[in-house]
Amino acid sequence: MSNKKAPTFLFGIIAIILGWTLFKQFDFENFKFEKPALAIVYILTFLASVYFLVKNMRGK
């Protein structure tokens, strides 16, 4: 059972860190990211981690 908790914890930490990073890099006055190319990589990784979290929760 503890083997299933490790990926959930890992993807949760990744999602929190990337969500916070995206929030900090977004300029709300101009509605643009500071580094758009890096933001695309962050968004894709964030969405993948959220997908795996939701997929794991539905499996239970």
PDB file of N, CA and C in Angstrom:
ATOM      1  N   MET A   1       0.815  -1.199   0.000  1.00  0.00           N
ATOM      2  CA  MET A   1       0.000   0.000   0.000  1.00  0.00           C
ATOM      3  C   MET A   1       0.857   1.261   0.000  1.00  0.00           C
ATOM      4  N   SER A   2       1.983   1.212   0.690  1.00  0.00           N
ATOM      5  CA  SER A   2       2.833   2.395   0.740  1.00  0.00           C
ATOM      6  C   SER A   2       3.480   2.678  -0.615  1.00  0.00           C
ATOM      7  N   ASN A   3       3.543   1.654  -1.478  1.00  0.00           N
ATOM      8  CA  ASN A   3       4.114   1.837  -2.801  1.00  0.00           C
ATOM      9  C   ASN A   3       3.245   2.767  -3.650  1.00  0.00           C
ATOM     10  N   LYS A   4       1.934   2.776  -3.439  1.00  0.00           N
ATOM     11  CA  LYS A   4       1.022   3.638  -4.186  1.00  0.00           C
ATOM     12  C   LYS A   4       1.066   5.069  -3.678  1.00  0.00           C
ATOM     13  N   LYS A   5       1.460   5.274  -2.425  1.00  0.00           N
ATOM     14  CA  LYS A   5       1.473   6.614  -1.854  1.00  0.00           C
ATOM     15  C   LYS A   5       2.646   7.437  -2.371  1.00  0.00           C
ATOM     16  N   ALA A   6       3.752   6.804  -2.702  1.00  0.00           N
ATOM     17  CA  ALA A   6       4.943   7.538  -3.142  1.00  0.00           C
ATOM     18  C   ALA A   6       4.705   8.329  -4.425  1.00  0.00           C
ATOM     19  N   PRO A   7       4.137   7.736  -5.491  1.00  0.00           N
ATOM     20  CA  PRO A   7       3.893   8.541  -6.698  1.00  0.00           C
ATOM     21  C   PRO A   7       2.897   9.674  -6.456  1.00  0.00           C
ATOM     22  N   THR A   8       1.892   9.443  -5.631  1.00  0.00           N
ATOM     23  CA  THR A   8       0.924  10.488  -5.340  1.00  0.00           C
ATOM     24  C   THR A   8       1.601  11.652  -4.640  1.00  0.00           C
ATOM     25  N   PHE A   9       2.426  11.353  -3.670  1.00  0.00           N
ATOM     26  CA  PHE A   9       3.152  12.401  -2.950  1.00  0.00           C
ATOM     27  C   PHE A   9       4.096  13.144  -3.887  1.00  0.00           C
ATOM     28  N   LEU A  10       4.797  12.408  -4.717  1.00  0.00           N
ATOM     29  CA  LEU A  10       5.754  13.002  -5.644  1.00  0.00           C
ATOM     30  C   LEU A  10       5.061  13.925  -6.645  1.00  0.00           C
ATOM     31  N   PHE A  11       3.985  13.457  -7.255  1.00  0.00           N
ATOM     32  CA  PHE A  11       3.270  14.288  -8.225  1.00  0.00           C
ATOM     33  C   PHE A  11       2.593  15.473  -7.540  1.00  0.00           C
ATOM     34  N   GLY A  12       2.192  15.308  -6.294  1.00  0.00           N
ATOM     35  CA  GLY A  12       1.619  16.429  -5.547  1.00  0.00           C
ATOM     36  C   GLY A  12       2.641  17.518  -5.296  1.00  0.00           C
ATOM     37  N   ILE A  13       3.842  17.119  -4.895  1.00  0.00           N
ATOM     38  CA  ILE A  13       4.910  18.093  -4.664  1.00  0.00           C
ATOM     39  C   ILE A  13       5.285  18.793  -5.966  1.00  0.00           C
ATOM     40  N   ILE A  14       5.382  18.035  -7.057  1.00  0.00           N
ATOM     41  CA  ILE A  14       5.710  18.625  -8.363  1.00  0.00           C
ATOM     42  C   ILE A  14       4.642  19.634  -8.774  1.00  0.00           C
ATOM     43  N   ALA A  15       3.366  19.286  -8.592  1.00  0.00           N
ATOM     44  CA  ALA A  15       2.279  20.185  -8.979  1.00  0.00           C
ATOM     45  C   ALA A  15       2.299  21.461  -8.143  1.00  0.00           C
ATOM     46  N   ILE A  16       2.572  21.354  -6.860  1.00  0.00           N
ATOM     47  CA  ILE A  16       2.618  22.542  -6.002  1.00  0.00           C
ATOM     48  C   ILE A  16       3.769  23.459  -6.414  1.00  0.00           C
ATOM     49  N   ILE A  17       4.938  22.886  -6.621  1.00  0.00           N
ATOM     50  CA  ILE A  17       6.107  23.693  -6.981  1.00  0.00           C
ATOM     51  C   ILE A  17       5.911  24.377  -8.334  1.00  0.00           C
ATOM     52  N   LEU A  18       5.428  23.629  -9.315  1.00  0.00           N
ATOM     53  CA  LEU A  18       5.240  24.223 -10.644  1.00  0.00           C
ATOM     54  C   LEU A  18       4.099  25.237 -10.658  1.00  0.00           C
ATOM     55  N   GLY A  19       3.036  24.977  -9.908  1.00  0.00           N
ATOM     56  CA  GLY A  19       1.946  25.946  -9.815  1.00  0.00           C
ATOM     57  C   GLY A  19       2.414  27.256  -9.213  1.00  0.00           C
ATOM     58  N   TRP A  20       3.205  27.149  -8.144  1.00  0.00           N
ATOM     59  CA  TRP A  20       3.736  28.354  -7.511  1.00  0.00           C
ATOM     60  C   TRP A  20       4.689  29.093  -8.453  1.00  0.00           C
ATOM     61  N   THR A  21       5.518  28.352  -9.163  1.00  0.00           N
ATOM     62  CA  THR A  21       6.465  28.966 -10.099  1.00  0.00           C
ATOM     63  C   THR A  21       5.733  29.677 -11.232  1.00  0.00           C
ATOM     64  N   LEU A  22       4.706  29.057 -11.767  1.00  0.00           N
ATOM     65  CA  LEU A  22       3.926  29.696 -12.828  1.00  0.00           C
ATOM     66  C   LEU A  22       3.246  30.962 -12.326  1.00  0.00           C
ATOM     67  N   PHE A  23       2.738  30.915 -11.111  1.00  0.00           N
ATOM     68  CA  PHE A  23       2.088  32.081 -10.519  1.00  0.00           C
ATOM     69  C   PHE A  23       3.079  33.230 -10.347  1.00  0.00           C
ATOM     70  N   LYS A  24       4.290  32.905  -9.897  1.00  0.00           N
ATOM     71  CA  LYS A  24       5.289  33.945  -9.664  1.00  0.00           C
ATOM     72  C   LYS A  24       5.822  34.537 -10.974  1.00  0.00           C
ATOM     73  N   GLN A  25       5.885  33.749 -12.040  1.00  0.00           N
ATOM     74  CA  GLN A  25       6.430  34.248 -13.308  1.00  0.00           C
ATOM     75  C   GLN A  25       5.402  34.994 -14.147  1.00  0.00           C
ATOM     76  N   PHE A  26       4.137  34.900 -13.798  1.00  0.00           N
ATOM     77  CA  PHE A  26       3.098  35.542 -14.598  1.00  0.00           C
ATOM     78  C   PHE A  26       2.991  37.011 -14.220  1.00  0.00           C
ATOM     79  N   ASP A  27       3.004  37.881 -15.226  1.00  0.00           N
ATOM     80  CA  ASP A  27       2.857  39.314 -15.024  1.00  0.00           C
ATOM     81  C   ASP A  27       1.379  39.657 -15.204  1.00  0.00           C
ATOM     82  N   PHE A  28       0.715  40.019 -14.108  1.00  0.00           N
ATOM     83  CA  PHE A  28      -0.717  40.261 -14.163  1.00  0.00           C
ATOM     84  C   PHE A  28      -1.077  41.606 -14.786  1.00  0.00           C
ATOM     85  N   GLU A  29      -0.133  42.527 -14.864  1.00  0.00           N
ATOM     86  CA  GLU A  29      -0.404  43.815 -15.504  1.00  0.00           C
ATOM     87  C   GLU A  29      -0.479  43.677 -17.017  1.00  0.00           C
ATOM     88  N   ASN A  30       0.416  42.862 -17.594  1.00  0.00           N
ATOM     89  CA  ASN A  30       0.463  42.700 -19.048  1.00  0.00           C
ATOM     90  C   ASN A  30      -0.100  41.365 -19.513  1.00  0.00           C
ATOM     91  N   PHE A  31      -0.455  40.500 -18.570  1.00  0.00           N
ATOM     92  CA  PHE A  31      -0.969  39.160 -18.870  1.00  0.00           C
ATOM     93  C   PHE A  31      -0.013  38.370 -19.750  1.00  0.00           C
ATOM     94  N   LYS A  32       1.262  38.377 -19.362  1.00  0.00           N
ATOM     95  CA  LYS A  32       2.292  37.643 -20.079  1.00  0.00           C
ATOM     96  C   LYS A  32       3.224  36.978 -19.069  1.00  0.00           C
ATOM     97  N   PHE A  33       3.890  35.929 -19.521  1.00  0.00           N
ATOM     98  CA  PHE A  33       4.911  35.290 -18.708  1.00  0.00           C
ATOM     99  C   PHE A  33       6.245  35.976 -18.965  1.00  0.00           C
ATOM    100  N   GLU A  34       7.120  35.946 -17.948  1.00  0.00           N
ATOM    101  CA  GLU A  34       8.446  36.530 -18.108  1.00  0.00           C
ATOM    102  C   GLU A  34       9.255  35.765 -19.142  1.00  0.00           C
ATOM    103  N   LYS A  35       9.195  34.437 -19.079  1.00  0.00           N
ATOM    104  CA  LYS A  35       9.908  33.568 -20.021  1.00  0.00           C
ATOM    105  C   LYS A  35       8.887  32.612 -20.643  1.00  0.00           C
ATOM    106  N   PRO A  36       8.324  32.970 -21.794  1.00  0.00           N
ATOM    107  CA  PRO A  36       7.231  32.173 -22.370  1.00  0.00           C
ATOM    108  C   PRO A  36       7.622  30.746 -22.733  1.00  0.00           C
ATOM    109  N   ALA A  37       8.830  30.531 -23.233  1.00  0.00           N
ATOM    110  CA  ALA A  37       9.223  29.172 -23.625  1.00  0.00           C
ATOM    111  C   ALA A  37       9.334  28.261 -22.404  1.00  0.00           C
ATOM    112  N   LEU A  38       9.888  28.779 -21.337  1.00  0.00           N
ATOM    113  CA  LEU A  38      10.002  28.000 -20.109  1.00  0.00           C
ATOM    114  C   LEU A  38       8.632  27.789 -19.480  1.00  0.00           C
ATOM    115  N   ALA A  39       7.750  28.759 -19.627  1.00  0.00           N
ATOM    116  CA  ALA A  39       6.397  28.631 -19.084  1.00  0.00           C
ATOM    117  C   ALA A  39       5.635  27.502 -19.773  1.00  0.00           C
ATOM    118  N   ILE A  40       5.862  27.297 -21.061  1.00  0.00           N
ATOM    119  CA  ILE A  40       5.201  26.201 -21.778  1.00  0.00           C
ATOM    120  C   ILE A  40       5.634  24.857 -21.208  1.00  0.00           C
ATOM    121  N   VAL A  41       6.929  24.708 -20.935  1.00  0.00           N
ATOM    122  CA  VAL A  41       7.433  23.463 -20.349  1.00  0.00           C
ATOM    123  C   VAL A  41       6.839  23.266 -18.959  1.00  0.00           C
ATOM    124  N   TYR A  42       6.786  24.340 -18.174  1.00  0.00           N
ATOM    125  CA  TYR A  42       6.206  24.257 -16.830  1.00  0.00           C
ATOM    126  C   TYR A  42       4.731  23.871 -16.886  1.00  0.00           C
ATOM    127  N   ILE A  43       3.986  24.465 -17.813  1.00  0.00           N
ATOM    128  CA  ILE A  43       2.549  24.183 -17.916  1.00  0.00           C
ATOM    129  C   ILE A  43       2.320  22.734 -18.323  1.00  0.00           C
ATOM    130  N   LEU A  44       3.075  22.247 -19.288  1.00  0.00           N
ATOM    131  CA  LEU A  44       2.910  20.855 -19.712  1.00  0.00           C
ATOM    132  C   LEU A  44       3.228  19.878 -18.581  1.00  0.00           C
ATOM    133  N   THR A  45       4.294  20.146 -17.853  1.00  0.00           N
ATOM    134  CA  THR A  45       4.656  19.276 -16.731  1.00  0.00           C
ATOM    135  C   THR A  45       3.630  19.383 -15.612  1.00  0.00           C
ATOM    136  N   PHE A  46       3.136  20.578 -15.353  1.00  0.00           N
ATOM    137  CA  PHE A  46       2.104  20.775 -14.337  1.00  0.00           C
ATOM    138  C   PHE A  46       0.836  20.009 -14.690  1.00  0.00           C
ATOM    139  N   LEU A  47       0.413  20.117 -15.946  1.00  0.00           N
ATOM    140  CA  LEU A  47      -0.794  19.413 -16.376  1.00  0.00           C
ATOM    141  C   LEU A  47      -0.618  17.898 -16.323  1.00  0.00           C
ATOM    142  N   ALA A  48       0.566  17.414 -16.673  1.00  0.00           N
ATOM    143  CA  ALA A  48       0.831  15.975 -16.599  1.00  0.00           C
ATOM    144  C   ALA A  48       0.784  15.488 -15.157  1.00  0.00           C
ATOM    145  N   SER A  49       1.356  16.245 -14.239  1.00  0.00           N
ATOM    146  CA  SER A  49       1.336  15.821 -12.839  1.00  0.00           C
ATOM    147  C   SER A  49      -0.081  15.855 -12.271  1.00  0.00           C
ATOM    148  N   VAL A  50      -0.865  16.860 -12.641  1.00  0.00           N
ATOM    149  CA  VAL A  50      -2.258  16.912 -12.183  1.00  0.00           C
ATOM    150  C   VAL A  50      -3.057  15.758 -12.788  1.00  0.00           C
ATOM    151  N   TYR A  51      -2.786  15.426 -14.051  1.00  0.00           N
ATOM    152  CA  TYR A  51      -3.461  14.303 -14.690  1.00  0.00           C
ATOM    153  C   TYR A  51      -3.178  12.997 -13.936  1.00  0.00           C
ATOM    154  N   PHE A  52      -1.907  12.761 -13.609  1.00  0.00           N
ATOM    155  CA  PHE A  52      -1.559  11.538 -12.898  1.00  0.00           C
ATOM    156  C   PHE A  52      -2.138  11.532 -11.480  1.00  0.00           C
ATOM    157  N   LEU A  53      -2.256  12.692 -10.848  1.00  0.00           N
ATOM    158  CA  LEU A  53      -2.884  12.747  -9.531  1.00  0.00           C
ATOM    159  C   LEU A  53      -4.359  12.375  -9.623  1.00  0.00           C
ATOM    160  N   VAL A  54      -5.050  12.941 -10.595  1.00  0.00           N
ATOM    161  CA  VAL A  54      -6.480  12.665 -10.755  1.00  0.00           C
ATOM    162  C   VAL A  54      -6.686  11.204 -11.156  1.00  0.00           C
ATOM    163  N   LYS A  55      -5.840  10.703 -12.033  1.00  0.00           N
ATOM    164  CA  LYS A  55      -5.936   9.311 -12.470  1.00  0.00           C
ATOM    165  C   LYS A  55      -5.729   8.362 -11.292  1.00  0.00           C
ATOM    166  N   ASN A  56      -4.784   8.686 -10.423  1.00  0.00           N
ATOM    167  CA  ASN A  56      -4.521   7.853  -9.260  1.00  0.00           C
ATOM    168  C   ASN A  56      -5.668   7.915  -8.260  1.00  0.00           C
ATOM    169  N   MET A  57      -6.278   9.073  -8.099  1.00  0.00           N
ATOM    170  CA  MET A  57      -7.406   9.204  -7.169  1.00  0.00           C
ATOM    171  C   MET A  57      -8.636   8.457  -7.672  1.00  0.00           C
ATOM    172  N   ARG A  58      -8.848   8.467  -8.985  1.00  0.00           N
ATOM    173  CA  ARG A  58      -9.998   7.756  -9.548  1.00  0.00           C
ATOM    174  C   ARG A  58      -9.826   6.258  -9.438  1.00  0.00           C
ATOM    175  N   GLY A  59      -8.586   5.778  -9.450  1.00  0.00           N
ATOM    176  CA  GLY A  59      -8.310   4.362  -9.369  1.00  0.00           C
ATOM    177  C   GLY A  59      -8.640   3.767  -8.014  1.00  0.00           C
ATOM    178  N   LYS A  60      -8.675   4.597  -6.997  1.00  0.00           N
ATOM    179  CA  LYS A  60      -8.977   4.109  -5.647  1.00  0.00           C
ATOM    180  C   LYS A  60     -10.430   3.975  -5.487  1.00  0.00           C
TER     181      LYS A  60
END
